[in-house]
PDB file of N, CA and C in Angstrom:
ATOM      1  N   MET A   1       0.951  -1.365   0.042  1.00  0.00           N
ATOM      2  CA  MET A   1      -0.104   0.059  -0.126  1.00  0.00           C
ATOM      3  C   MET A   1       0.820   1.287  -0.021  1.00  0.00           C
ATOM      4  N   SER A   2       2.171   1.328   0.256  1.00  0.00           N
ATOM      5  CA  SER A   2       2.969   2.395   0.379  1.00  0.00           C
ATOM      6  C   SER A   2       3.226   2.981  -1.073  1.00  0.00           C
ATOM      7  N   GLY A   3       3.067   2.156  -2.033  1.00  0.00           N
ATOM      8  CA  GLY A   3       3.165   2.727  -3.505  1.00  0.00           C
ATOM      9  C   GLY A   3       1.890   3.192  -4.092  1.00  0.00           C
ATOM     10  N   CYS A   4       0.752   3.129  -3.334  1.00  0.00           N
ATOM     11  CA  CYS A   4      -0.461   3.507  -3.968  1.00  0.00           C
ATOM     12  C   CYS A   4      -0.763   4.970  -3.548  1.00  0.00           C
ATOM     13  N   ARG A   5      -0.404   5.869  -4.589  1.00  0.00           N
ATOM     14  CA  ARG A   5      -0.661   7.262  -4.325  1.00  0.00           C
ATOM     15  C   ARG A   5      -1.841   7.839  -4.667  1.00  0.00           C
ATOM     16  N   ASN A   6      -2.374   7.110  -5.990  1.00  0.00           N
ATOM     17  CA  ASN A   6      -3.615   7.677  -6.512  1.00  0.00           C
ATOM     18  C   ASN A   6      -4.836   6.548  -6.107  1.00  0.00           C
ATOM     19  N   PHE A   7      -5.952   6.985  -5.776  1.00  0.00           N
ATOM     20  CA  PHE A   7      -7.020   6.153  -5.176  1.00  0.00           C
ATOM     21  C   PHE A   7      -7.845   5.554  -6.404  1.00  0.00           C
ATOM     22  N   SER A   8      -7.496   6.056  -7.748  1.00  0.00           N
ATOM     23  CA  SER A   8      -8.148   5.524  -8.834  1.00  0.00           C
ATOM     24  C   SER A   8      -7.931   4.144  -9.061  1.00  0.00           C
ATOM     25  N   PRO A   9      -8.838   3.234  -9.310  1.00  0.00           N
ATOM     26  CA  PRO A   9      -8.489   1.751  -9.754  1.00  0.00           C
ATOM     27  C   PRO A   9      -7.625   1.768 -10.912  1.00  0.00           C
ATOM     28  N   LEU A  10      -7.891   2.526 -11.856  1.00  0.00           N
ATOM     29  CA  LEU A  10      -7.284   2.303 -13.112  1.00  0.00           C
ATOM     30  C   LEU A  10      -6.099   3.375 -13.045  1.00  0.00           C
ATOM     31  N   ALA A  11      -4.894   2.872 -13.666  1.00  0.00           N
ATOM     32  CA  ALA A  11      -3.754   3.845 -13.724  1.00  0.00           C
ATOM     33  C   ALA A  11      -3.774   4.680 -14.793  1.00  0.00           C
ATOM     34  N   GLY A  12      -3.695   6.006 -14.508  1.00  0.00           N
ATOM     35  CA  GLY A  12      -3.940   6.971 -15.345  1.00  0.00           C
ATOM     36  C   GLY A  12      -5.204   7.755 -15.314  1.00  0.00           C
ATOM     37  N   THR A  13      -6.075   7.203 -14.641  1.00  0.00           N
ATOM     38  CA  THR A  13      -7.354   7.935 -14.650  1.00  0.00           C
ATOM     39  C   THR A  13      -7.273   9.079 -13.346  1.00  0.00           C
ATOM     40  N   PRO A  14      -7.992  10.136 -13.540  1.00  0.00           N
ATOM     41  CA  PRO A  14      -8.050  11.166 -12.377  1.00  0.00           C
ATOM     42  C   PRO A  14      -8.704  10.472 -11.305  1.00  0.00           C
ATOM     43  N   ASP A  15      -8.212  11.051 -10.137  1.00  0.00           N
ATOM     44  CA  ASP A  15      -8.731  10.643  -8.827  1.00  0.00           C
ATOM     45  C   ASP A  15     -10.111  11.714  -8.579  1.00  0.00           C
ATOM     46  N   MET A  16     -10.691  11.399  -7.447  1.00  0.00           N
ATOM     47  CA  MET A  16     -12.059  12.216  -7.148  1.00  0.00           C
ATOM     48  C   MET A  16     -11.472  13.544  -6.800  1.00  0.00           C
ATOM     49  N   TYR A  17     -10.509  13.864  -6.089  1.00  0.00           N
ATOM     50  CA  TYR A  17     -10.192  15.143  -5.902  1.00  0.00           C
ATOM     51  C   TYR A  17      -9.688  15.896  -7.263  1.00  0.00           C
ATOM     52  N   THR A  18      -9.207  15.423  -8.006  1.00  0.00           N
ATOM     53  CA  THR A  18      -8.767  16.100  -9.345  1.00  0.00           C
ATOM     54  C   THR A  18     -10.168  16.451 -10.056  1.00  0.00           C
ATOM     55  N   LEU A  19     -10.983  15.589 -10.116  1.00  0.00           N
ATOM     56  CA  LEU A  19     -12.200  15.725 -10.710  1.00  0.00           C
ATOM     57  C   LEU A  19     -12.959  16.880 -10.152  1.00  0.00           C
ATOM     58  N   LEU A  20     -13.252  16.875  -8.872  1.00  0.00           N
ATOM     59  CA  LEU A  20     -13.800  17.816  -8.154  1.00  0.00           C
ATOM     60  C   LEU A  20     -13.246  19.313  -8.062  1.00  0.00           C
ATOM     61  N   SER A  21     -12.074  19.280  -8.272  1.00  0.00           N
ATOM     62  CA  SER A  21     -11.219  20.594  -8.496  1.00  0.00           C
ATOM     63  C   SER A  21     -11.560  21.233  -9.911  1.00  0.00           C
ATOM     64  N   GLN A  22     -11.474  20.348 -10.890  1.00  0.00           N
ATOM     65  CA  GLN A  22     -11.967  20.834 -12.202  1.00  0.00           C
ATOM     66  C   GLN A  22     -13.537  21.314 -12.167  1.00  0.00           C
ATOM     67  N   VAL A  23     -14.483  20.684 -11.469  1.00  0.00           N
ATOM     68  CA  VAL A  23     -15.751  21.019 -11.597  1.00  0.00           C
ATOM     69  C   VAL A  23     -15.752  22.343 -10.777  1.00  0.00           C
ATOM     70  N   PHE A  24     -15.088  22.531  -9.729  1.00  0.00           N
ATOM     71  CA  PHE A  24     -15.197  23.726  -8.774  1.00  0.00           C
ATOM     72  C   PHE A  24     -14.745  24.939  -9.577  1.00  0.00           C
ATOM     73  N   ARG A  25     -13.802  24.714 -10.442  1.00  0.00           N
ATOM     74  CA  ARG A  25     -13.061  25.840 -11.047  1.00  0.00           C
ATOM     75  C   ARG A  25     -13.913  26.645 -11.876  1.00  0.00           C
ATOM     76  N   PHE A  26     -15.121  25.920 -12.399  1.00  0.00           N
ATOM     77  CA  PHE A  26     -15.896  26.948 -13.303  1.00  0.00           C
ATOM     78  C   PHE A  26     -17.107  27.432 -12.415  1.00  0.00           C
ATOM     79  N   LEU A  27     -17.344  27.119 -11.143  1.00  0.00           N
ATOM     80  CA  LEU A  27     -18.424  27.704 -10.233  1.00  0.00           C
ATOM     81  C   LEU A  27     -18.096  29.262  -9.977  1.00  0.00           C
ATOM     82  N   PRO A  28     -19.098  30.101 -10.067  1.00  0.00           N
ATOM     83  CA  PRO A  28     -18.724  31.509  -9.633  1.00  0.00           C
ATOM     84  C   PRO A  28     -18.521  31.604  -8.214  1.00  0.00           C
ATOM     85  N   LEU A  29     -17.508  32.639  -7.787  1.00  0.00           N
ATOM     86  CA  LEU A  29     -17.170  32.896  -6.587  1.00  0.00           C
ATOM     87  C   LEU A  29     -18.037  33.869  -5.977  1.00  0.00           C
ATOM     88  N   PRO A  30     -18.482  33.699  -4.710  1.00  0.00           N
ATOM     89  CA  PRO A  30     -19.343  34.813  -4.075  1.00  0.00           C
ATOM     90  C   PRO A  30     -18.398  36.043  -3.899  1.00  0.00           C
ATOM     91  N   ARG A  31     -19.152  37.108  -4.093  1.00  0.00           N
ATOM     92  CA  ARG A  31     -18.668  38.445  -4.098  1.00  0.00           C
ATOM     93  C   ARG A  31     -18.726  39.153  -2.560  1.00  0.00           C
ATOM     94  N   ALA A  32     -17.804  39.668  -1.843  1.00  0.00           N
ATOM     95  CA  ALA A  32     -18.090  40.185  -0.669  1.00  0.00           C
ATOM     96  C   ALA A  32     -18.628  41.655  -1.038  1.00  0.00           C
ATOM     97  N   VAL A  33     -19.806  41.777  -0.738  1.00  0.00           N
ATOM     98  CA  VAL A  33     -20.585  43.050  -1.155  1.00  0.00           C
ATOM     99  C   VAL A  33     -21.498  43.433   0.225  1.00  0.00           C
ATOM    100  N   ALA A  34     -21.318  44.588   0.609  1.00  0.00           N
ATOM    101  CA  ALA A  34     -21.976  45.123   1.690  1.00  0.00           C
ATOM    102  C   ALA A  34     -23.386  45.179   1.480  1.00  0.00           C
ATOM    103  N   PRO A  35     -24.129  44.758   2.337  1.00  0.00           N
ATOM    104  CA  PRO A  35     -25.845  44.881   2.172  1.00  0.00           C
ATOM    105  C   PRO A  35     -26.232  46.383   2.027  1.00  0.00           C
ATOM    106  N   VAL A  36     -27.016  46.325   1.043  1.00  0.00           N
ATOM    107  CA  VAL A  36     -27.672  47.985   0.752  1.00  0.00           C
ATOM    108  C   VAL A  36     -28.394  48.453   2.115  1.00  0.00           C
ATOM    109  N   HIS A  37     -29.165  47.673   2.633  1.00  0.00           N
ATOM    110  CA  HIS A  37     -29.965  48.035   3.811  1.00  0.00           C
ATOM    111  C   HIS A  37     -29.410  47.405   5.058  1.00  0.00           C
ATOM    112  N   GLY A  38     -28.341  47.757   5.563  1.00  0.00           N
ATOM    113  CA  GLY A  38     -27.728  47.313   6.660  1.00  0.00           C
ATOM    114  C   GLY A  38     -28.248  47.691   7.893  1.00  0.00           C
ATOM    115  N   VAL A  39     -27.785  47.355   8.904  1.00  0.00           N
ATOM    116  CA  VAL A  39     -27.977  47.791  10.354  1.00  0.00           C
ATOM    117  C   VAL A  39     -27.856  49.357  10.387  1.00  0.00           C
ATOM    118  N   ALA A  40     -26.732  49.825  10.054  1.00  0.00           N
ATOM    119  CA  ALA A  40     -26.490  51.375  10.249  1.00  0.00           C
ATOM    120  C   ALA A  40     -27.293  52.090   9.299  1.00  0.00           C
ATOM    121  N   HIS A  41     -27.609  51.616   8.012  1.00  0.00           N
ATOM    122  CA  HIS A  41     -28.613  52.211   7.176  1.00  0.00           C
ATOM    123  C   HIS A  41     -29.917  52.532   7.840  1.00  0.00           C
ATOM    124  N   ASN A  42     -30.440  51.427   8.447  1.00  0.00           N
ATOM    125  CA  ASN A  42     -31.645  51.317   8.978  1.00  0.00           C
ATOM    126  C   ASN A  42     -31.759  52.352  10.145  1.00  0.00           C
ATOM    127  N   LEU A  43     -30.730  52.272  11.021  1.00  0.00           N
ATOM    128  CA  LEU A  43     -30.823  53.260  12.295  1.00  0.00           C
ATOM    129  C   LEU A  43     -30.681  54.701  11.645  1.00  0.00           C
ATOM    130  N   MET A  44     -29.964  54.931  10.498  1.00  0.00           N
ATOM    131  CA  MET A  44     -29.993  56.369  10.077  1.00  0.00           C
ATOM    132  C   MET A  44     -31.237  56.809   9.629  1.00  0.00           C
ATOM    133  N   GLU A  45     -32.038  55.733   8.884  1.00  0.00           N
ATOM    134  CA  GLU A  45     -33.136  56.216   8.368  1.00  0.00           C
ATOM    135  C   GLU A  45     -34.390  56.619   9.373  1.00  0.00           C
ATOM    136  N   ARG A  46     -34.291  55.522  10.399  1.00  0.00           N
ATOM    137  CA  ARG A  46     -35.068  55.809  11.615  1.00  0.00           C
ATOM    138  C   ARG A  46     -34.750  57.308  12.292  1.00  0.00           C
ATOM    139  N   ALA A  47     -33.557  57.407  12.418  1.00  0.00           N
ATOM    140  CA  ALA A  47     -33.105  58.854  13.049  1.00  0.00           C
ATOM    141  C   ALA A  47     -33.711  60.177  12.102  1.00  0.00           C
ATOM    142  N   GLU A  48     -33.723  59.878  10.906  1.00  0.00           N
ATOM    143  CA  GLU A  48     -34.157  60.948   9.864  1.00  0.00           C
ATOM    144  C   GLU A  48     -35.567  61.205  10.146  1.00  0.00           C
ATOM    145  N   ALA A  49     -36.284  59.972  10.386  1.00  0.00           N
ATOM    146  CA  ALA A  49     -37.778  59.880  10.477  1.00  0.00           C
ATOM    147  C   ALA A  49     -38.238  60.578  11.645  1.00  0.00           C
ATOM    148  N   ARG A  50     -37.404  60.451  12.937  1.00  0.00           N
ATOM    149  CA  ARG A  50     -37.607  60.969  14.246  1.00  0.00           C
ATOM    150  C   ARG A  50     -37.293  62.399  14.388  1.00  0.00           C
ATOM    151  N   ALA A  51     -36.387  62.887  13.423  1.00  0.00           N
ATOM    152  CA  ALA A  51     -35.811  64.362  13.754  1.00  0.00           C
ATOM    153  C   ALA A  51     -36.727  65.422  14.039  1.00  0.00           C
ATOM    154  N   GLY A  52     -37.938  65.228  13.339  1.00  0.00           N
ATOM    155  CA  GLY A  52     -38.841  66.312  13.644  1.00  0.00           C
ATOM    156  C   GLY A  52     -39.648  66.310  14.712  1.00  0.00           C
ATOM    157  N   ARG A  53     -39.880  65.070  14.993  1.00  0.00           N
ATOM    158  CA  ARG A  53     -40.656  65.003  16.467  1.00  0.00           C
ATOM    159  C   ARG A  53     -39.915  64.807  17.671  1.00  0.00           C
ATOM    160  N   ASN A  54     -38.684  63.895  17.700  1.00  0.00           N
ATOM    161  CA  ASN A  54     -37.923  63.891  18.726  1.00  0.00           C
ATOM    162  C   ASN A  54     -36.573  63.826  18.352  1.00  0.00           C
ATOM    163  N   PRO A  55     -35.998  64.966  18.574  1.00  0.00           N
ATOM    164  CA  PRO A  55     -34.409  65.232  18.090  1.00  0.00           C
ATOM    165  C   PRO A  55     -33.406  64.499  18.871  1.00  0.00           C
ATOM    166  N   GLN A  56     -33.794  64.176  20.247  1.00  0.00           N
ATOM    167  CA  GLN A  56     -32.793  63.599  21.123  1.00  0.00           C
ATOM    168  C   GLN A  56     -32.869  62.013  20.765  1.00  0.00           C
ATOM    169  N   GLN A  57     -34.030  61.528  20.467  1.00  0.00           N
ATOM    170  CA  GLN A  57     -34.087  60.063  19.955  1.00  0.00           C
ATOM    171  C   GLN A  57     -33.390  59.920  18.919  1.00  0.00           C
ATOM    172  N   ALA A  58     -33.509  61.064  17.842  1.00  0.00           N
ATOM    173  CA  ALA A  58     -32.860  60.919  16.663  1.00  0.00           C
ATOM    174  C   ALA A  58     -31.368  60.867  16.739  1.00  0.00           C
ATOM    175  N   GLN A  59     -30.771  61.675  17.714  1.00  0.00           N
ATOM    176  CA  GLN A  59     -29.403  61.642  18.031  1.00  0.00           C
ATOM    177  C   GLN A  59     -28.857  60.438  18.475  1.00  0.00           C
ATOM    178  N   GLU A  60     -29.722  59.971  19.391  1.00  0.00           N
ATOM    179  CA  GLU A  60     -29.405  58.455  20.016  1.00  0.00           C
ATOM    180  C   GLU A  60     -29.199  57.500  18.791  1.00  0.00           C
ATOM    181  N   LEU A  61     -30.101  57.549  17.853  1.00  0.00           N
ATOM    182  CA  LEU A  61     -30.069  56.411  16.853  1.00  0.00           C
ATOM    183  C   LEU A  61     -28.957  56.845  15.864  1.00  0.00           C
ATOM    184  N   ARG A  62     -28.340  58.056  15.647  1.00  0.00           N
ATOM    185  CA  ARG A  62     -27.207  58.451  14.906  1.00  0.00           C
ATOM    186  C   ARG A  62     -25.981  57.768  15.698  1.00  0.00           C
ATOM    187  N   ARG A  63     -26.093  58.012  16.746  1.00  0.00           N
ATOM    188  CA  ARG A  63     -24.863  57.525  17.771  1.00  0.00           C
ATOM    189  C   ARG A  63     -24.954  55.833  17.561  1.00  0.00           C
ATOM    190  N   ALA A  64     -25.959  55.300  17.754  1.00  0.00           N
ATOM    191  CA  ALA A  64     -25.873  54.039  17.488  1.00  0.00           C
ATOM    192  C   ALA A  64     -25.384  53.389  16.289  1.00  0.00           C
ATOM    193  N   ALA A  65     -25.817  54.067  15.070  1.00  0.00           N
ATOM    194  CA  ALA A  65     -25.077  54.078  13.675  1.00  0.00           C
ATOM    195  C   ALA A  65     -23.929  53.937  13.799  1.00  0.00           C
ATOM    196  N   ARG A  66     -23.221  55.111  14.168  1.00  0.00           N
ATOM    197  CA  ARG A  66     -21.946  55.327  14.112  1.00  0.00           C
ATOM    198  C   ARG A  66     -21.251  54.350  15.081  1.00  0.00           C
ATOM    199  N   ALA A  67     -21.746  54.105  16.257  1.00  0.00           N
ATOM    200  CA  ALA A  67     -21.081  52.995  16.982  1.00  0.00           C
ATOM    201  C   ALA A  67     -21.021  51.605  16.351  1.00  0.00           C
ATOM    202  N   TYR A  68     -21.960  51.151  15.578  1.00  0.00           N
ATOM    203  CA  TYR A  68     -22.110  49.873  14.876  1.00  0.00           C
ATOM    204  C   TYR A  68     -20.922  49.858  13.859  1.00  0.00           C
ATOM    205  N   LEU A  69     -20.863  51.257  13.154  1.00  0.00           N
ATOM    206  CA  LEU A  69     -19.986  51.277  11.930  1.00  0.00           C
ATOM    207  C   LEU A  69     -18.464  50.983  12.567  1.00  0.00           C
ATOM    208  N   SER A  70     -18.320  51.705  13.777  1.00  0.00           N
ATOM    209  CA  SER A  70     -16.984  51.723  14.141  1.00  0.00           C
ATOM    210  C   SER A  70     -16.604  50.106  14.689  1.00  0.00           C
ATOM    211  N   VAL A  71     -17.514  49.355  15.112  1.00  0.00           N
ATOM    212  CA  VAL A  71     -17.411  47.956  15.514  1.00  0.00           C
ATOM    213  C   VAL A  71     -17.211  47.066  14.402  1.00  0.00           C
ATOM    214  N   VAL A  72     -18.018  47.326  13.280  1.00  0.00           N
ATOM    215  CA  VAL A  72     -17.997  46.466  12.078  1.00  0.00           C
ATOM    216  C   VAL A  72     -16.736  46.710  11.319  1.00  0.00           C
ATOM    217  N   ARG A  73     -16.229  47.975  11.140  1.00  0.00           N
ATOM    218  CA  ARG A  73     -14.881  48.083  10.313  1.00  0.00           C
ATOM    219  C   ARG A  73     -13.736  47.859  11.314  1.00  0.00           C
TER     220      ARG A  73
END
């Protein structure tokens, strides 16, 4: 068994790992894209909606959005 490097039963045929690597080569890679409507975006929208009625709460929501962004980055 020490001479058996290829798991294929026939000599010269590709093994499972070679086949899988060829298949996965054609699959699209996921892109790292920030969500359009993330947590900070939602907090800022809520802050804008509250700005006319409750400025103090709007300021708290803005601070929360900035704090979230500082932690995420």
